[in-house]
Each structure stands twice: as structure tokens, then as C-alpha cells.
PDB file of N, CA and C in Angstrom:
ATOM      1  N   MET A   1     166.584 114.068 149.548  1.00  0.00           N
ATOM      2  CA  MET A   1     166.068 114.351 150.432  1.00  0.00           C
ATOM      3  C   MET A   1     163.998 114.676 149.257  1.00  0.00           C
ATOM      4  N   THR A   2     163.857 113.508 149.133  1.00  0.00           N
ATOM      5  CA  THR A   2     162.202 113.494 148.100  1.00  0.00           C
ATOM      6  C   THR A   2     161.292 114.097 148.601  1.00  0.00           C
ATOM      7  N   ASP A   3     160.565 115.086 148.191  1.00  0.00           N
ATOM      8  CA  ASP A   3     159.263 115.633 147.909  1.00  0.00           C
ATOM      9  C   ASP A   3     158.512 114.723 149.521  1.00  0.00           C
ATOM     10  N   ILE A   4     158.260 113.748 148.841  1.00  0.00           N
ATOM     11  CA  ILE A   4     157.289 112.960 149.493  1.00  0.00           C
ATOM     12  C   ILE A   4     157.926 112.298 150.686  1.00  0.00           C
ATOM     13  N   GLU A   5     159.546 112.729 151.283  1.00  0.00           N
ATOM     14  CA  GLU A   5     160.271 111.957 152.580  1.00  0.00           C
ATOM     15  C   GLU A   5     160.223 113.221 153.231  1.00  0.00           C
ATOM     16  N   PHE A   6     160.427 114.712 153.006  1.00  0.00           N
ATOM     17  CA  PHE A   6     160.151 115.920 153.630  1.00  0.00           C
ATOM     18  C   PHE A   6     158.811 116.014 153.764  1.00  0.00           C
ATOM     19  N   MET A   7     157.625 115.849 153.177  1.00  0.00           N
ATOM     20  CA  MET A   7     156.403 115.952 153.418  1.00  0.00           C
ATOM     21  C   MET A   7     156.362 114.821 154.925  1.00  0.00           C
ATOM     22  N   ASP A   8     156.595 113.603 155.268  1.00  0.00           N
ATOM     23  CA  ASP A   8     156.359 112.910 155.830  1.00  0.00           C
ATOM     24  C   ASP A   8     157.250 112.195 157.367  1.00  0.00           C
ATOM     25  N   ARG A   9     158.493 113.089 156.908  1.00  0.00           N
ATOM     26  CA  ARG A   9     159.089 114.090 158.293  1.00  0.00           C
ATOM     27  C   ARG A   9     158.202 114.935 158.907  1.00  0.00           C
ATOM     28  N   SER A  10     158.406 115.888 158.404  1.00  0.00           N
ATOM     29  CA  SER A  10     157.683 116.737 158.445  1.00  0.00           C
ATOM     30  C   SER A  10     155.872 116.916 159.019  1.00  0.00           C
ATOM     31  N   GLU A  11     155.488 116.414 158.511  1.00  0.00           N
ATOM     32  CA  GLU A  11     153.959 115.855 159.678  1.00  0.00           C
ATOM     33  C   GLU A  11     154.161 115.329 160.842  1.00  0.00           C
ATOM     34  N   THR A  12     155.271 114.926 160.812  1.00  0.00           N
ATOM     35  CA  THR A  12     155.597 113.786 162.321  1.00  0.00           C
ATOM     36  C   THR A  12     156.298 114.593 163.013  1.00  0.00           C
ATOM     37  N   LEU A  13     156.910 116.002 162.533  1.00  0.00           N
ATOM     38  CA  LEU A  13     157.205 116.664 163.591  1.00  0.00           C
ATOM     39  C   LEU A  13     155.972 117.571 163.977  1.00  0.00           C
ATOM     40  N   LEU A  14     155.611 118.099 163.093  1.00  0.00           N
ATOM     41  CA  LEU A  14     153.982 119.079 163.363  1.00  0.00           C
ATOM     42  C   LEU A  14     153.227 118.486 164.165  1.00  0.00           C
ATOM     43  N   LEU A  15     153.260 116.793 164.466  1.00  0.00           N
ATOM     44  CA  LEU A  15     152.082 116.280 165.219  1.00  0.00           C
ATOM     45  C   LEU A  15     152.932 115.685 166.663  1.00  0.00           C
ATOM     46  N   ALA A  16     153.729 116.312 166.526  1.00  0.00           N
ATOM     47  CA  ALA A  16     154.718 115.529 168.354  1.00  0.00           C
ATOM     48  C   ALA A  16     154.673 117.016 168.566  1.00  0.00           C
ATOM     49  N   ILE A  17     154.594 117.957 168.072  1.00  0.00           N
ATOM     50  CA  ILE A  17     154.891 119.915 168.676  1.00  0.00           C
ATOM     51  C   ILE A  17     152.874 119.267 169.356  1.00  0.00           C
ATOM     52  N   GLU A  18     152.187 119.431 168.093  1.00  0.00           N
ATOM     53  CA  GLU A  18     150.721 119.323 168.745  1.00  0.00           C
ATOM     54  C   GLU A  18     150.240 117.902 170.058  1.00  0.00           C
ATOM     55  N   GLU A  19     151.456 116.836 169.630  1.00  0.00           N
ATOM     56  CA  GLU A  19     150.925 116.226 171.294  1.00  0.00           C
ATOM     57  C   GLU A  19     151.734 116.585 172.134  1.00  0.00           C
ATOM     58  N   ARG A  20     152.678 117.354 172.223  1.00  0.00           N
ATOM     59  CA  ARG A  20     153.413 117.136 172.717  1.00  0.00           C
ATOM     60  C   ARG A  20     152.276 119.071 174.165  1.00  0.00           C
ATOM     61  N   CYS A  21     152.119 119.788 173.050  1.00  0.00           N
ATOM     62  CA  CYS A  21     150.960 120.917 173.116  1.00  0.00           C
ATOM     63  C   CYS A  21     149.597 120.527 174.300  1.00  0.00           C
ATOM     64  N   ASP A  22     149.320 119.745 173.624  1.00  0.00           N
ATOM     65  CA  ASP A  22     148.131 118.335 174.829  1.00  0.00           C
ATOM     66  C   ASP A  22     148.330 117.826 175.742  1.00  0.00           C
ATOM     67  N   GLN A  23     149.420 117.508 175.931  1.00  0.00           N
ATOM     68  CA  GLN A  23     149.958 116.745 177.337  1.00  0.00           C
ATOM     69  C   GLN A  23     150.624 117.702 178.498  1.00  0.00           C
ATOM     70  N   ILE A  24     151.287 118.480 178.002  1.00  0.00           N
ATOM     71  CA  ILE A  24     151.592 120.044 179.456  1.00  0.00           C
ATOM     72  C   ILE A  24     150.081 120.177 179.129  1.00  0.00           C
ATOM     73  N   ASN A  25     149.230 120.901 178.045  1.00  0.00           N
ATOM     74  CA  ASN A  25     147.596 121.018 178.962  1.00  0.00           C
ATOM     75  C   ASN A  25     147.174 120.027 180.034  1.00  0.00           C
ATOM     76  N   GLU A  26     147.214 118.968 179.894  1.00  0.00           N
ATOM     77  CA  GLU A  26     146.802 117.878 180.602  1.00  0.00           C
ATOM     78  C   GLU A  26     147.496 117.469 181.425  1.00  0.00           C
ATOM     79  N   THR A  27     148.764 118.000 182.019  1.00  0.00           N
ATOM     80  CA  THR A  27     149.121 117.897 183.005  1.00  0.00           C
ATOM     81  C   THR A  27     149.719 119.058 183.631  1.00  0.00           C
ATOM     82  N   THR A  28     149.232 120.300 183.460  1.00  0.00           N
ATOM     83  CA  THR A  28     150.372 121.940 183.795  1.00  0.00           C
ATOM     84  C   THR A  28     149.272 122.736 183.988  1.00  0.00           C
ATOM     85  N   ASP A  29     149.298 123.911 185.020  1.00  0.00           N
ATOM     86  CA  ASP A  29     147.929 124.268 184.753  1.00  0.00           C
ATOM     87  C   ASP A  29     149.072 125.596 183.704  1.00  0.00           C
ATOM     88  N   ALA A  30     149.739 125.335 181.902  1.00  0.00           N
ATOM     89  CA  ALA A  30     150.464 126.593 181.370  1.00  0.00           C
ATOM     90  C   ALA A  30     149.748 127.017 180.493  1.00  0.00           C
ATOM     91  N   ASP A  31     148.298 125.986 180.413  1.00  0.00           N
ATOM     92  CA  ASP A  31     147.677 126.805 179.048  1.00  0.00           C
ATOM     93  C   ASP A  31     147.228 127.103 178.045  1.00  0.00           C
ATOM     94  N   LEU A  32     148.978 125.947 177.213  1.00  0.00           N
ATOM     95  CA  LEU A  32     148.808 126.515 175.811  1.00  0.00           C
ATOM     96  C   LEU A  32     147.971 126.071 175.106  1.00  0.00           C
ATOM     97  N   ASP A  33     147.621 127.387 173.997  1.00  0.00           N
ATOM     98  CA  ASP A  33     146.595 126.924 172.948  1.00  0.00           C
ATOM     99  C   ASP A  33     147.382 126.133 171.602  1.00  0.00           C
ATOM    100  N   SER A  34     147.271 125.267 171.284  1.00  0.00           N
ATOM    101  CA  SER A  34     147.973 125.036 169.974  1.00  0.00           C
ATOM    102  C   SER A  34     147.078 125.175 168.880  1.00  0.00           C
ATOM    103  N   GLN A  35     147.106 125.994 167.715  1.00  0.00           N
ATOM    104  CA  GLN A  35     146.192 125.649 166.463  1.00  0.00           C
ATOM    105  C   GLN A  35     147.490 125.235 165.342  1.00  0.00           C
ATOM    106  N   ARG A  36     146.301 124.212 164.505  1.00  0.00           N
ATOM    107  CA  ARG A  36     146.438 123.964 163.268  1.00  0.00           C
ATOM    108  C   ARG A  36     145.596 124.306 162.039  1.00  0.00           C
ATOM    109  N   SER A  37     146.926 124.699 160.715  1.00  0.00           N
ATOM    110  CA  SER A  37     146.081 125.700 159.989  1.00  0.00           C
ATOM    111  C   SER A  37     147.641 124.637 158.315  1.00  0.00           C
ATOM    112  N   GLY A  38     146.904 123.375 157.691  1.00  0.00           N
ATOM    113  CA  GLY A  38     147.345 123.311 156.593  1.00  0.00           C
ATOM    114  C   GLY A  38     149.083 122.597 157.281  1.00  0.00           C
ATOM    115  N   GLY A  39     149.600 123.435 157.020  1.00  0.00           N
ATOM    116  CA  GLY A  39     151.727 123.193 157.592  1.00  0.00           C
ATOM    117  C   GLY A  39     151.822 123.757 158.309  1.00  0.00           C
ATOM    118  N   MET A  40     151.005 124.727 159.425  1.00  0.00           N
ATOM    119  CA  MET A  40     151.804 125.356 160.466  1.00  0.00           C
ATOM    120  C   MET A  40     151.310 124.956 161.373  1.00  0.00           C
ATOM    121  N   VAL A  41     151.863 125.089 162.704  1.00  0.00           N
ATOM    122  CA  VAL A  41     151.650 125.761 164.344  1.00  0.00           C
ATOM    123  C   VAL A  41     151.448 126.462 164.859  1.00  0.00           C
ATOM    124  N   THR A  42     150.427 127.245 165.190  1.00  0.00           N
ATOM    125  CA  THR A  42     150.587 128.088 166.191  1.00  0.00           C
ATOM    126  C   THR A  42     150.536 128.315 167.581  1.00  0.00           C
ATOM    127  N   ILE A  43     151.567 128.634 168.889  1.00  0.00           N
ATOM    128  CA  ILE A  43     150.920 127.789 170.002  1.00  0.00           C
ATOM    129  C   ILE A  43     151.437 128.932 170.864  1.00  0.00           C
ATOM    130  N   THR A  44     149.838 129.607 171.265  1.00  0.00           N
ATOM    131  CA  THR A  44     149.781 130.955 171.890  1.00  0.00           C
ATOM    132  C   THR A  44     149.808 130.511 173.525  1.00  0.00           C
ATOM    133  N   PHE A  45     150.161 131.029 173.719  1.00  0.00           N
ATOM    134  CA  PHE A  45     150.416 131.164 175.545  1.00  0.00           C
ATOM    135  C   PHE A  45     149.526 131.831 176.396  1.00  0.00           C
ATOM    136  N   ALA A  46     149.888 131.716 177.565  1.00  0.00           N
ATOM    137  CA  ALA A  46     148.899 132.526 178.756  1.00  0.00           C
ATOM    138  C   ALA A  46     149.347 133.990 178.631  1.00  0.00           C
ATOM    139  N   ASN A  47     149.574 134.415 178.630  1.00  0.00           N
ATOM    140  CA  ASN A  47     151.046 136.136 177.485  1.00  0.00           C
ATOM    141  C   ASN A  47     150.468 136.726 176.260  1.00  0.00           C
ATOM    142  N   ARG A  48     149.998 135.856 175.848  1.00  0.00           N
ATOM    143  CA  ARG A  48     149.203 135.927 174.333  1.00  0.00           C
ATOM    144  C   ARG A  48     150.670 135.718 173.014  1.00  0.00           C
ATOM    145  N   SER A  49     151.781 135.484 174.100  1.00  0.00           N
ATOM    146  CA  SER A  49     153.251 135.217 172.724  1.00  0.00           C
ATOM    147  C   SER A  49     152.704 135.066 171.986  1.00  0.00           C
ATOM    148  N   GLN A  50     153.051 134.166 171.048  1.00  0.00           N
ATOM    149  CA  GLN A  50     153.019 132.827 170.005  1.00  0.00           C
ATOM    150  C   GLN A  50     154.056 132.523 169.270  1.00  0.00           C
ATOM    151  N   ILE A  51     154.726 130.928 169.156  1.00  0.00           N
ATOM    152  CA  ILE A  51     155.156 130.810 168.718  1.00  0.00           C
ATOM    153  C   ILE A  51     155.446 130.040 166.947  1.00  0.00           C
ATOM    154  N   VAL A  52     155.364 130.073 165.845  1.00  0.00           N
ATOM    155  CA  VAL A  52     154.685 129.898 164.859  1.00  0.00           C
ATOM    156  C   VAL A  52     155.772 128.958 164.386  1.00  0.00           C
ATOM    157  N   VAL A  53     155.398 127.445 164.327  1.00  0.00           N
ATOM    158  CA  VAL A  53     156.200 126.782 162.973  1.00  0.00           C
ATOM    159  C   VAL A  53     155.426 126.225 162.146  1.00  0.00           C
ATOM    160  N   ASN A  54     156.741 126.500 160.899  1.00  0.00           N
ATOM    161  CA  ASN A  54     155.619 125.898 159.468  1.00  0.00           C
ATOM    162  C   ASN A  54     156.232 125.629 157.966  1.00  0.00           C
ATOM    163  N   LEU A  55     155.632 124.918 157.697  1.00  0.00           N
ATOM    164  CA  LEU A  55     156.871 124.450 156.556  1.00  0.00           C
ATOM    165  C   LEU A  55     157.293 125.013 155.331  1.00  0.00           C
ATOM    166  N   GLN A  56     158.284 125.163 154.900  1.00  0.00           N
ATOM    167  CA  GLN A  56     159.075 125.503 153.413  1.00  0.00           C
ATOM    168  C   GLN A  56     159.088 124.482 152.612  1.00  0.00           C
ATOM    169  N   LYS A  57     157.906 123.981 151.644  1.00  0.00           N
ATOM    170  CA  LYS A  57     157.979 122.771 150.905  1.00  0.00           C
ATOM    171  C   LYS A  57     159.237 122.574 149.912  1.00  0.00           C
ATOM    172  N   PRO A  58     158.915 124.173 149.495  1.00  0.00           N
ATOM    173  CA  PRO A  58     160.543 124.142 148.339  1.00  0.00           C
ATOM    174  C   PRO A  58     161.701 124.236 149.311  1.00  0.00           C
ATOM    175  N   LEU A  59     161.982 124.513 149.990  1.00  0.00           N
ATOM    176  CA  LEU A  59     163.057 123.875 150.350  1.00  0.00           C
ATOM    177  C   LEU A  59     164.029 123.114 151.111  1.00  0.00           C
ATOM    178  N   HIS A  60     162.760 122.210 151.461  1.00  0.00           N
ATOM    179  CA  HIS A  60     162.700 121.655 152.241  1.00  0.00           C
ATOM    180  C   HIS A  60     163.251 121.303 153.458  1.00  0.00           C
ATOM    181  N   GLU A  61     162.338 122.604 153.912  1.00  0.00           N
ATOM    182  CA  GLU A  61     162.474 123.457 155.522  1.00  0.00           C
ATOM    183  C   GLU A  61     161.305 123.561 156.607  1.00  0.00           C
ATOM    184  N   VAL A  62     161.725 123.503 157.683  1.00  0.00           N
ATOM    185  CA  VAL A  62     160.812 124.269 158.974  1.00  0.00           C
ATOM    186  C   VAL A  62     161.365 125.115 159.119  1.00  0.00           C
ATOM    187  N   TRP A  63     160.124 125.858 159.206  1.00  0.00           N
ATOM    188  CA  TRP A  63     160.722 127.613 160.059  1.00  0.00           C
ATOM    189  C   TRP A  63     159.807 127.557 161.411  1.00  0.00           C
ATOM    190  N   MET A  64     160.874 127.891 162.453  1.00  0.00           N
ATOM    191  CA  MET A  64     160.228 128.763 163.286  1.00  0.00           C
ATOM    192  C   MET A  64     160.249 130.158 163.436  1.00  0.00           C
ATOM    193  N   ALA A  65     158.816 131.084 164.086  1.00  0.00           N
ATOM    194  CA  ALA A  65     159.726 132.286 164.710  1.00  0.00           C
ATOM    195  C   ALA A  65     159.015 132.142 166.013  1.00  0.00           C
ATOM    196  N   ALA A  66     159.967 132.675 166.752  1.00  0.00           N
ATOM    197  CA  ALA A  66     159.867 132.966 168.251  1.00  0.00           C
ATOM    198  C   ALA A  66     159.858 133.931 168.423  1.00  0.00           C
ATOM    199  N   GLN A  67     159.899 135.012 169.689  1.00  0.00           N
ATOM    200  CA  GLN A  67     160.495 135.440 170.301  1.00  0.00           C
ATOM    201  C   GLN A  67     161.246 136.378 170.255  1.00  0.00           C
ATOM    202  N   SER A  68     162.470 135.010 170.356  1.00  0.00           N
ATOM    203  CA  SER A  68     164.071 135.155 170.053  1.00  0.00           C
ATOM    204  C   SER A  68     164.293 135.764 168.907  1.00  0.00           C
ATOM    205  N   GLY A  69     163.581 134.772 167.562  1.00  0.00           N
ATOM    206  CA  GLY A  69     164.050 135.571 166.448  1.00  0.00           C
ATOM    207  C   GLY A  69     163.040 134.433 164.999  1.00  0.00           C
ATOM    208  N   GLY A  70     164.104 134.583 164.128  1.00  0.00           N
ATOM    209  CA  GLY A  70     163.569 132.924 163.217  1.00  0.00           C
ATOM    210  C   GLY A  70     164.934 132.313 162.938  1.00  0.00           C
ATOM    211  N   TYR A  71     163.773 130.999 162.635  1.00  0.00           N
ATOM    212  CA  TYR A  71     164.843 129.533 162.555  1.00  0.00           C
ATOM    213  C   TYR A  71     164.712 129.027 161.402  1.00  0.00           C
ATOM    214  N   HIS A  72     165.536 128.779 160.556  1.00  0.00           N
ATOM    215  CA  HIS A  72     165.486 127.688 159.732  1.00  0.00           C
ATOM    216  C   HIS A  72     165.865 125.608 159.718  1.00  0.00           C
ATOM    217  N   TYR A  73     165.156 125.081 160.072  1.00  0.00           N
ATOM    218  CA  TYR A  73     165.384 124.071 160.199  1.00  0.00           C
ATOM    219  C   TYR A  73     165.681 123.147 158.362  1.00  0.00           C
ATOM    220  N   LYS A  74     167.145 122.544 158.768  1.00  0.00           N
ATOM    221  CA  LYS A  74     166.706 120.996 157.548  1.00  0.00           C
ATOM    222  C   LYS A  74     167.064 119.447 158.216  1.00  0.00           C
ATOM    223  N   PHE A  75     166.758 118.804 157.618  1.00  0.00           N
ATOM    224  CA  PHE A  75     166.276 117.386 158.181  1.00  0.00           C
ATOM    225  C   PHE A  75     167.777 116.654 157.731  1.00  0.00           C
ATOM    226  N   ASP A  76     168.540 116.204 158.402  1.00  0.00           N
ATOM    227  CA  ASP A  76     169.627 115.554 158.179  1.00  0.00           C
ATOM    228  C   ASP A  76     169.943 114.045 158.496  1.00  0.00           C
ATOM    229  N   GLY A  77     168.811 113.457 158.475  1.00  0.00           N
ATOM    230  CA  GLY A  77     169.027 112.031 158.447  1.00  0.00           C
ATOM    231  C   GLY A  77     168.285 111.319 159.456  1.00  0.00           C
ATOM    232  N   SER A  78     168.517 112.880 160.691  1.00  0.00           N
ATOM    233  CA  SER A  78     167.424 111.843 162.200  1.00  0.00           C
ATOM    234  C   SER A  78     167.958 112.865 163.032  1.00  0.00           C
ATOM    235  N   ALA A  79     167.732 113.763 162.878  1.00  0.00           N
ATOM    236  CA  ALA A  79     167.226 114.939 163.420  1.00  0.00           C
ATOM    237  C   ALA A  79     167.385 116.936 162.472  1.00  0.00           C
ATOM    238  N   TRP A  80     166.444 117.246 163.097  1.00  0.00           N
ATOM    239  CA  TRP A  80     165.877 118.555 162.289  1.00  0.00           C
ATOM    240  C   TRP A  80     166.982 119.876 163.041  1.00  0.00           C
ATOM    241  N   LEU A  81     167.720 120.566 162.189  1.00  0.00           N
ATOM    242  CA  LEU A  81     169.009 120.736 163.079  1.00  0.00           C
ATOM    243  C   LEU A  81     168.654 122.589 162.364  1.00  0.00           C
ATOM    244  N   ASP A  82     169.039 123.575 162.770  1.00  0.00           N
ATOM    245  CA  ASP A  82     169.351 125.031 162.421  1.00  0.00           C
ATOM    246  C   ASP A  82     170.515 125.304 161.361  1.00  0.00           C
ATOM    247  N   THR A  83     170.025 125.392 160.100  1.00  0.00           N
ATOM    248  CA  THR A  83     170.893 125.337 159.186  1.00  0.00           C
ATOM    249  C   THR A  83     172.066 126.998 159.431  1.00  0.00           C
ATOM    250  N   LYS A  84     172.057 127.384 160.156  1.00  0.00           N
ATOM    251  CA  LYS A  84     172.958 128.215 160.810  1.00  0.00           C
ATOM    252  C   LYS A  84     174.145 127.927 161.881  1.00  0.00           C
ATOM    253  N   THR A  85     173.259 127.131 162.864  1.00  0.00           N
ATOM    254  CA  THR A  85     173.778 127.123 164.365  1.00  0.00           C
ATOM    255  C   THR A  85     174.172 125.441 164.152  1.00  0.00           C
ATOM    256  N   GLY A  86     173.316 125.040 163.627  1.00  0.00           N
ATOM    257  CA  GLY A  86     173.808 123.108 163.634  1.00  0.00           C
ATOM    258  C   GLY A  86     172.526 123.232 165.114  1.00  0.00           C
ATOM    259  N   ALA A  87     171.193 123.838 165.992  1.00  0.00           N
ATOM    260  CA  ALA A  87     170.673 122.918 167.213  1.00  0.00           C
ATOM    261  C   ALA A  87     169.585 122.952 166.404  1.00  0.00           C
ATOM    262  N   GLU A  88     169.650 121.573 167.446  1.00  0.00           N
ATOM    263  CA  GLU A  88     168.755 120.849 167.014  1.00  0.00           C
ATOM    264  C   GLU A  88     166.923 120.919 168.306  1.00  0.00           C
ATOM    265  N   PHE A  89     166.149 121.239 166.401  1.00  0.00           N
ATOM    266  CA  PHE A  89     164.938 122.005 166.783  1.00  0.00           C
ATOM    267  C   PHE A  89     163.925 121.592 167.948  1.00  0.00           C
ATOM    268  N   PHE A  90     163.765 120.409 168.291  1.00  0.00           N
ATOM    269  CA  PHE A  90     163.034 120.076 169.448  1.00  0.00           C
ATOM    270  C   PHE A  90     163.737 121.072 171.655  1.00  0.00           C
ATOM    271  N   ALA A  91     164.801 120.849 171.167  1.00  0.00           N
ATOM    272  CA  ALA A  91     166.335 121.958 172.032  1.00  0.00           C
ATOM    273  C   ALA A  91     165.810 123.296 171.755  1.00  0.00           C
ATOM    274  N   GLU A  92     165.172 124.099 171.073  1.00  0.00           N
ATOM    275  CA  GLU A  92     165.444 125.467 170.391  1.00  0.00           C
ATOM    276  C   GLU A  92     163.911 125.334 170.524  1.00  0.00           C
ATOM    277  N   LEU A  93     162.912 124.197 170.675  1.00  0.00           N
ATOM    278  CA  LEU A  93     161.490 125.196 170.358  1.00  0.00           C
ATOM    279  C   LEU A  93     161.206 124.948 172.037  1.00  0.00           C
ATOM    280  N   SER A  94     162.449 123.987 172.916  1.00  0.00           N
ATOM    281  CA  SER A  94     162.040 123.645 174.506  1.00  0.00           C
ATOM    282  C   SER A  94     162.377 125.037 174.944  1.00  0.00           C
ATOM    283  N   ARG A  95     162.942 126.053 174.429  1.00  0.00           N
ATOM    284  CA  ARG A  95     163.959 126.861 175.160  1.00  0.00           C
ATOM    285  C   ARG A  95     163.512 127.449 174.829  1.00  0.00           C
ATOM    286  N   ASP A  96     162.884 128.126 173.526  1.00  0.00           N
ATOM    287  CA  ASP A  96     161.899 129.367 173.469  1.00  0.00           C
ATOM    288  C   ASP A  96     160.515 129.045 174.462  1.00  0.00           C
ATOM    289  N   ALA A  97     159.988 127.993 173.948  1.00  0.00           N
ATOM    290  CA  ALA A  97     158.355 127.559 174.807  1.00  0.00           C
ATOM    291  C   ALA A  97     158.439 128.136 176.136  1.00  0.00           C
ATOM    292  N   SER A  98     160.126 127.681 177.082  1.00  0.00           N
ATOM    293  CA  SER A  98     159.657 127.630 178.529  1.00  0.00           C
ATOM    294  C   SER A  98     160.651 129.186 178.369  1.00  0.00           C
ATOM    295  N   ALA A  99     161.039 129.671 177.779  1.00  0.00           N
ATOM    296  CA  ALA A  99     160.951 131.495 178.000  1.00  0.00           C
ATOM    297  C   ALA A  99     159.901 132.293 177.955  1.00  0.00           C
ATOM    298  N   GLN A 100     159.073 131.773 177.139  1.00  0.00           N
ATOM    299  CA  GLN A 100     157.511 132.404 176.292  1.00  0.00           C
ATOM    300  C   GLN A 100     156.350 132.936 178.003  1.00  0.00           C
ATOM    301  N   SER A 101     156.409 131.192 178.233  1.00  0.00           N
ATOM    302  CA  SER A 101     155.982 130.136 178.987  1.00  0.00           C
ATOM    303  C   SER A 101     155.682 131.332 179.828  1.00  0.00           C
ATOM    304  N   GLY A 102     157.469 131.650 180.771  1.00  0.00           N
ATOM    305  CA  GLY A 102     157.778 131.325 182.394  1.00  0.00           C
ATOM    306  C   GLY A 102     157.910 130.222 182.767  1.00  0.00           C
ATOM    307  N   ARG A 103     157.964 129.532 182.759  1.00  0.00           N
ATOM    308  CA  ARG A 103     157.913 128.076 182.932  1.00  0.00           C
ATOM    309  C   ARG A 103     158.959 126.882 181.794  1.00  0.00           C
ATOM    310  N   ALA A 104     159.599 125.927 182.572  1.00  0.00           N
ATOM    311  CA  ALA A 104     160.029 125.131 181.883  1.00  0.00           C
ATOM    312  C   ALA A 104     159.281 123.713 181.219  1.00  0.00           C
ATOM    313  N   LEU A 105     159.166 123.446 180.002  1.00  0.00           N
ATOM    314  CA  LEU A 105     158.644 123.260 179.541  1.00  0.00           C
ATOM    315  C   LEU A 105     160.071 122.324 178.177  1.00  0.00           C
ATOM    316  N   THR A 106     159.163 121.059 178.253  1.00  0.00           N
ATOM    317  CA  THR A 106     160.205 120.419 177.040  1.00  0.00           C
ATOM    318  C   THR A 106     159.102 119.606 175.764  1.00  0.00           C
ATOM    319  N   PHE A 107     159.820 119.875 175.011  1.00  0.00           N
ATOM    320  CA  PHE A 107     159.598 119.137 173.700  1.00  0.00           C
ATOM    321  C   PHE A 107     160.016 118.221 173.067  1.00  0.00           C
ATOM    322  N   GLN A 108     159.737 117.302 172.926  1.00  0.00           N
ATOM    323  CA  GLN A 108     160.781 116.370 172.041  1.00  0.00           C
ATOM    324  C   GLN A 108     160.734 115.461 170.656  1.00  0.00           C
ATOM    325  N   ALA A 109     160.473 114.630 169.718  1.00  0.00           N
ATOM    326  CA  ALA A 109     160.696 114.491 168.778  1.00  0.00           C
ATOM    327  C   ALA A 109     159.817 113.095 169.447  1.00  0.00           C
TER     328      ALA A 109
END
């Protein structure tokens, strides 16, 4: 993957997170606060816990830090997959956001 391809793919991922946070806030009382700063999105939950998703441009990876741990994802041509377990990014974001918010939340590409 070229640097330009990485930036295109990763920008799409960050935008999907931001848009989904907005949708969740419009349709539920989950009260998510998503803040974007360059290549990083921070989601803050009502209980003040956070999930941080940021880009690691030199490695062409997306990193996620949540209460459950830290994760690294690479794009395989169709999805962002965990470099250790092969789990899909949005499935893991949904799992961690649900755990940290105390309600079922779903994120998708």
C-alpha cells in the first residue's frame, strides 16, 4: 500500500467513526463525545472513559487504545485487521464501545 492509499483508507475509517458517533448521539442517549485532532479520534463516554484511534503513518497502521488494551490494525485490501488476532477493526471498536458505554453500540465501515 502506498502512503496515499493508506491516507485515503485511514481517512475513510476515521470519518466513519465520527459519523457513527453523531448518529448514536442523534438516536440514543448514549452521550458520546468524539473529538478529532489530525489523525486521531478520541471518543469519550458518559463515564469519562475513552477510546482513542490514531494513525501510525510510517507503519501504515491504525492503532486503537481502549480499556481492554491496545490494538494495531493493517488494511488487507478489504478490511482493517488486528495484526495479532486477525479480528476486524469495527467489530472490536463495537465490542469496546459497548463495554465502556454499558449499552450495545455498533460501528461499521
